[in-house]
Amino acid sequence: MKPLLKPSLCALLVALSLPAWADVSRDEAAAAAQRVASGRVLAVERAEVDHRPVWRVKILSAQGEVRIVVVDVASGRIVR
């Protein structure tokens, strides 16, 4: 039983670390943008800022203002 424990543990650790390497999805970018600027998401487009891939999220506020939130694809951080 012990010979199977080490490979199984390694496989589990690799599986748990995979989401850290994955890019932020369109839905995750929209959710992150809504946390910063509450409102209705009108559009989510992939773009580039300073040669880095980003999500450009367009949000309509309750006051009727349109706000653009830029989310880094790799990290999920708000760029602006």
N, C-alpha and C. Protein backbone atom coordinates (compact mmCIF):
# COMPACT_ATOMS: atom_id res chain seq x y z
N MET A 1 0.82 -1.20 0.00
CA MET A 1 0.00 0.00 0.00
C MET A 1 0.86 1.26 0.00
N LYS A 2 1.98 1.25 0.71
CA LYS A 2 2.83 2.43 0.79
C LYS A 2 3.42 2.84 -0.56
N PRO A 3 3.77 1.90 -1.46
CA PRO A 3 4.31 2.32 -2.75
C PRO A 3 3.31 3.15 -3.56
N LEU A 4 2.03 2.99 -3.35
CA LEU A 4 1.02 3.77 -4.06
C LEU A 4 0.78 5.13 -3.43
N LEU A 5 1.16 5.29 -2.18
CA LEU A 5 0.89 6.54 -1.48
C LEU A 5 1.66 7.71 -2.07
N LYS A 6 2.93 7.52 -2.35
CA LYS A 6 3.77 8.62 -2.87
C LYS A 6 3.29 9.11 -4.24
N PRO A 7 3.05 8.23 -5.24
CA PRO A 7 2.55 8.72 -6.53
C PRO A 7 1.17 9.35 -6.42
N SER A 8 0.33 8.80 -5.55
CA SER A 8 -1.01 9.36 -5.37
C SER A 8 -0.95 10.75 -4.77
N LEU A 9 -0.06 10.94 -3.80
CA LEU A 9 0.10 12.24 -3.18
C LEU A 9 0.64 13.25 -4.18
N CYS A 10 1.59 12.86 -5.00
CA CYS A 10 2.14 13.74 -6.04
C CYS A 10 1.06 14.14 -7.04
N ALA A 11 0.25 13.18 -7.46
CA ALA A 11 -0.82 13.46 -8.40
C ALA A 11 -1.85 14.42 -7.80
N LEU A 12 -2.15 14.24 -6.53
CA LEU A 12 -3.08 15.13 -5.85
C LEU A 12 -2.53 16.56 -5.78
N LEU A 13 -1.27 16.71 -5.44
CA LEU A 13 -0.66 18.03 -5.35
C LEU A 13 -0.64 18.73 -6.71
N VAL A 14 -0.36 18.00 -7.77
CA VAL A 14 -0.37 18.58 -9.11
C VAL A 14 -1.79 19.01 -9.48
N ALA A 15 -2.77 18.17 -9.19
CA ALA A 15 -4.16 18.49 -9.50
C ALA A 15 -4.63 19.73 -8.75
N LEU A 16 -4.21 19.88 -7.52
CA LEU A 16 -4.62 21.05 -6.73
C LEU A 16 -3.95 22.32 -7.20
N SER A 17 -2.79 22.22 -7.81
CA SER A 17 -2.07 23.42 -8.25
C SER A 17 -2.48 23.86 -9.64
N LEU A 18 -3.20 23.06 -10.41
CA LEU A 18 -3.57 23.42 -11.77
C LEU A 18 -4.37 24.71 -11.87
N PRO A 19 -5.36 24.97 -11.03
CA PRO A 19 -6.11 26.22 -11.17
C PRO A 19 -5.24 27.47 -11.04
N ALA A 20 -4.12 27.39 -10.35
CA ALA A 20 -3.25 28.54 -10.21
C ALA A 20 -2.60 28.90 -11.55
N TRP A 21 -2.48 27.92 -12.44
CA TRP A 21 -1.87 28.17 -13.74
C TRP A 21 -2.90 28.59 -14.78
N ALA A 22 -4.15 28.34 -14.51
CA ALA A 22 -5.19 28.60 -15.49
C ALA A 22 -5.50 30.09 -15.59
N ASP A 23 -5.86 30.52 -16.79
CA ASP A 23 -6.26 31.91 -16.99
C ASP A 23 -7.63 32.15 -16.37
N VAL A 24 -7.90 33.41 -16.08
CA VAL A 24 -9.20 33.82 -15.54
C VAL A 24 -10.22 33.73 -16.67
N SER A 25 -11.35 33.11 -16.40
CA SER A 25 -12.39 32.95 -17.42
C SER A 25 -13.16 34.26 -17.60
N ARG A 26 -13.96 34.29 -18.65
CA ARG A 26 -14.82 35.44 -18.93
C ARG A 26 -15.77 35.70 -17.75
N ASP A 27 -16.37 34.64 -17.21
CA ASP A 27 -17.30 34.79 -16.09
C ASP A 27 -16.60 35.26 -14.82
N GLU A 28 -15.39 34.75 -14.57
CA GLU A 28 -14.63 35.18 -13.40
C GLU A 28 -14.24 36.65 -13.51
N ALA A 29 -13.88 37.08 -14.73
CA ALA A 29 -13.54 38.49 -14.95
C ALA A 29 -14.75 39.38 -14.72
N ALA A 30 -15.92 38.94 -15.19
CA ALA A 30 -17.15 39.71 -14.99
C ALA A 30 -17.47 39.83 -13.51
N ALA A 31 -17.30 38.74 -12.75
CA ALA A 31 -17.57 38.77 -11.31
C ALA A 31 -16.59 39.70 -10.59
N ALA A 32 -15.33 39.65 -10.97
CA ALA A 32 -14.32 40.53 -10.35
C ALA A 32 -14.64 41.99 -10.64
N ALA A 33 -15.05 42.28 -11.86
CA ALA A 33 -15.39 43.65 -12.23
C ALA A 33 -16.62 44.14 -11.48
N GLN A 34 -17.59 43.26 -11.27
CA GLN A 34 -18.80 43.66 -10.53
C GLN A 34 -18.51 43.94 -9.07
N ARG A 35 -17.49 43.32 -8.51
CA ARG A 35 -17.12 43.61 -7.12
C ARG A 35 -16.57 45.03 -6.99
N VAL A 36 -15.97 45.53 -8.06
CA VAL A 36 -15.38 46.87 -8.05
C VAL A 36 -16.42 47.91 -8.45
N ALA A 37 -17.20 47.61 -9.46
CA ALA A 37 -18.21 48.55 -9.98
C ALA A 37 -19.52 47.80 -10.09
N SER A 38 -20.34 47.89 -9.07
CA SER A 38 -21.60 47.14 -9.09
C SER A 38 -22.50 47.64 -10.22
N GLY A 39 -23.21 46.71 -10.81
CA GLY A 39 -24.10 47.04 -11.91
C GLY A 39 -24.29 45.84 -12.79
N ARG A 40 -24.87 46.06 -13.96
CA ARG A 40 -25.15 44.99 -14.91
C ARG A 40 -24.04 44.91 -15.94
N VAL A 41 -23.52 43.72 -16.15
CA VAL A 41 -22.46 43.53 -17.14
C VAL A 41 -23.08 43.58 -18.53
N LEU A 42 -22.58 44.49 -19.35
CA LEU A 42 -23.07 44.64 -20.71
C LEU A 42 -22.26 43.81 -21.70
N ALA A 43 -20.94 43.75 -21.49
CA ALA A 43 -20.07 43.03 -22.42
C ALA A 43 -18.76 42.68 -21.74
N VAL A 44 -18.16 41.58 -22.20
CA VAL A 44 -16.83 41.18 -21.74
C VAL A 44 -16.05 40.81 -23.00
N GLU A 45 -14.95 41.54 -23.24
CA GLU A 45 -14.15 41.31 -24.44
C GLU A 45 -12.70 41.09 -24.05
N ARG A 46 -12.03 40.24 -24.80
CA ARG A 46 -10.61 40.02 -24.57
C ARG A 46 -9.84 41.08 -25.36
N ALA A 47 -8.81 41.67 -24.73
CA ALA A 47 -8.03 42.72 -25.36
C ALA A 47 -6.59 42.65 -24.85
N GLU A 48 -5.78 43.63 -25.22
CA GLU A 48 -4.40 43.73 -24.73
C GLU A 48 -4.14 45.12 -24.20
N VAL A 49 -3.44 45.19 -23.06
CA VAL A 49 -2.98 46.44 -22.48
C VAL A 49 -1.51 46.25 -22.14
N ASP A 50 -0.66 47.11 -22.69
CA ASP A 50 0.79 46.99 -22.48
C ASP A 50 1.29 45.59 -22.84
N HIS A 51 0.82 45.06 -23.95
CA HIS A 51 1.23 43.74 -24.46
C HIS A 51 0.87 42.59 -23.53
N ARG A 52 -0.13 42.79 -22.67
CA ARG A 52 -0.60 41.73 -21.77
C ARG A 52 -2.07 41.49 -22.05
N PRO A 53 -2.50 40.22 -22.05
CA PRO A 53 -3.92 39.94 -22.28
C PRO A 53 -4.77 40.35 -21.09
N VAL A 54 -5.89 40.98 -21.37
CA VAL A 54 -6.82 41.44 -20.33
C VAL A 54 -8.24 41.17 -20.78
N TRP A 55 -9.15 41.18 -19.82
CA TRP A 55 -10.58 41.19 -20.10
C TRP A 55 -11.05 42.63 -19.92
N ARG A 56 -11.77 43.16 -20.90
CA ARG A 56 -12.36 44.51 -20.83
C ARG A 56 -13.85 44.30 -20.55
N VAL A 57 -14.27 44.69 -19.33
CA VAL A 57 -15.64 44.44 -18.88
C VAL A 57 -16.40 45.76 -18.85
N LYS A 58 -17.49 45.82 -19.58
CA LYS A 58 -18.33 47.02 -19.63
C LYS A 58 -19.51 46.81 -18.69
N ILE A 59 -19.67 47.74 -17.73
CA ILE A 59 -20.72 47.61 -16.70
C ILE A 59 -21.62 48.84 -16.73
N LEU A 60 -22.93 48.61 -16.64
CA LEU A 60 -23.92 49.69 -16.55
C LEU A 60 -24.34 49.83 -15.09
N SER A 61 -24.09 51.02 -14.51
CA SER A 61 -24.42 51.25 -13.10
C SER A 61 -25.91 51.54 -12.95
N ALA A 62 -26.37 51.54 -11.71
CA ALA A 62 -27.78 51.84 -11.42
C ALA A 62 -28.13 53.28 -11.81
N GLN A 63 -27.13 54.16 -11.85
CA GLN A 63 -27.34 55.56 -12.23
C GLN A 63 -27.31 55.75 -13.75
N GLY A 64 -27.10 54.67 -14.50
CA GLY A 64 -27.09 54.77 -15.95
C GLY A 64 -25.73 55.07 -16.55
N GLU A 65 -24.68 55.07 -15.74
CA GLU A 65 -23.34 55.34 -16.24
C GLU A 65 -22.69 54.04 -16.70
N VAL A 66 -21.95 54.10 -17.80
CA VAL A 66 -21.22 52.94 -18.29
C VAL A 66 -19.78 53.06 -17.80
N ARG A 67 -19.30 51.99 -17.20
CA ARG A 67 -17.93 51.98 -16.66
C ARG A 67 -17.18 50.80 -17.27
N ILE A 68 -15.94 51.04 -17.63
CA ILE A 68 -15.08 49.99 -18.16
C ILE A 68 -14.10 49.56 -17.08
N VAL A 69 -14.07 48.26 -16.79
CA VAL A 69 -13.14 47.70 -15.82
C VAL A 69 -12.25 46.73 -16.58
N VAL A 70 -10.93 46.85 -16.39
CA VAL A 70 -9.97 45.99 -17.09
C VAL A 70 -9.40 44.99 -16.08
N VAL A 71 -9.51 43.70 -16.42
CA VAL A 71 -9.09 42.61 -15.54
C VAL A 71 -7.96 41.84 -16.21
N ASP A 72 -6.84 41.65 -15.50
CA ASP A 72 -5.71 40.89 -16.03
C ASP A 72 -6.11 39.42 -16.20
N VAL A 73 -5.87 38.86 -17.39
CA VAL A 73 -6.26 37.48 -17.68
C VAL A 73 -5.51 36.49 -16.83
N ALA A 74 -4.23 36.72 -16.60
CA ALA A 74 -3.39 35.76 -15.87
C ALA A 74 -3.67 35.74 -14.38
N SER A 75 -3.86 36.92 -13.78
CA SER A 75 -3.97 36.99 -12.33
C SER A 75 -5.38 37.25 -11.80
N GLY A 76 -6.25 37.84 -12.63
CA GLY A 76 -7.58 38.22 -12.17
C GLY A 76 -7.61 39.55 -11.45
N ARG A 77 -6.46 40.23 -11.39
CA ARG A 77 -6.40 41.54 -10.73
C ARG A 77 -7.00 42.63 -11.63
N ILE A 78 -7.57 43.63 -10.97
CA ILE A 78 -8.11 44.78 -11.69
C ILE A 78 -6.93 45.64 -12.12
N VAL A 79 -6.84 45.91 -13.44
CA VAL A 79 -5.76 46.73 -13.97
C VAL A 79 -6.14 48.20 -13.88
N ARG A 80 -7.39 48.50 -14.24
CA ARG A 80 -7.93 49.85 -14.11
C ARG A 80 -9.43 49.83 -14.21
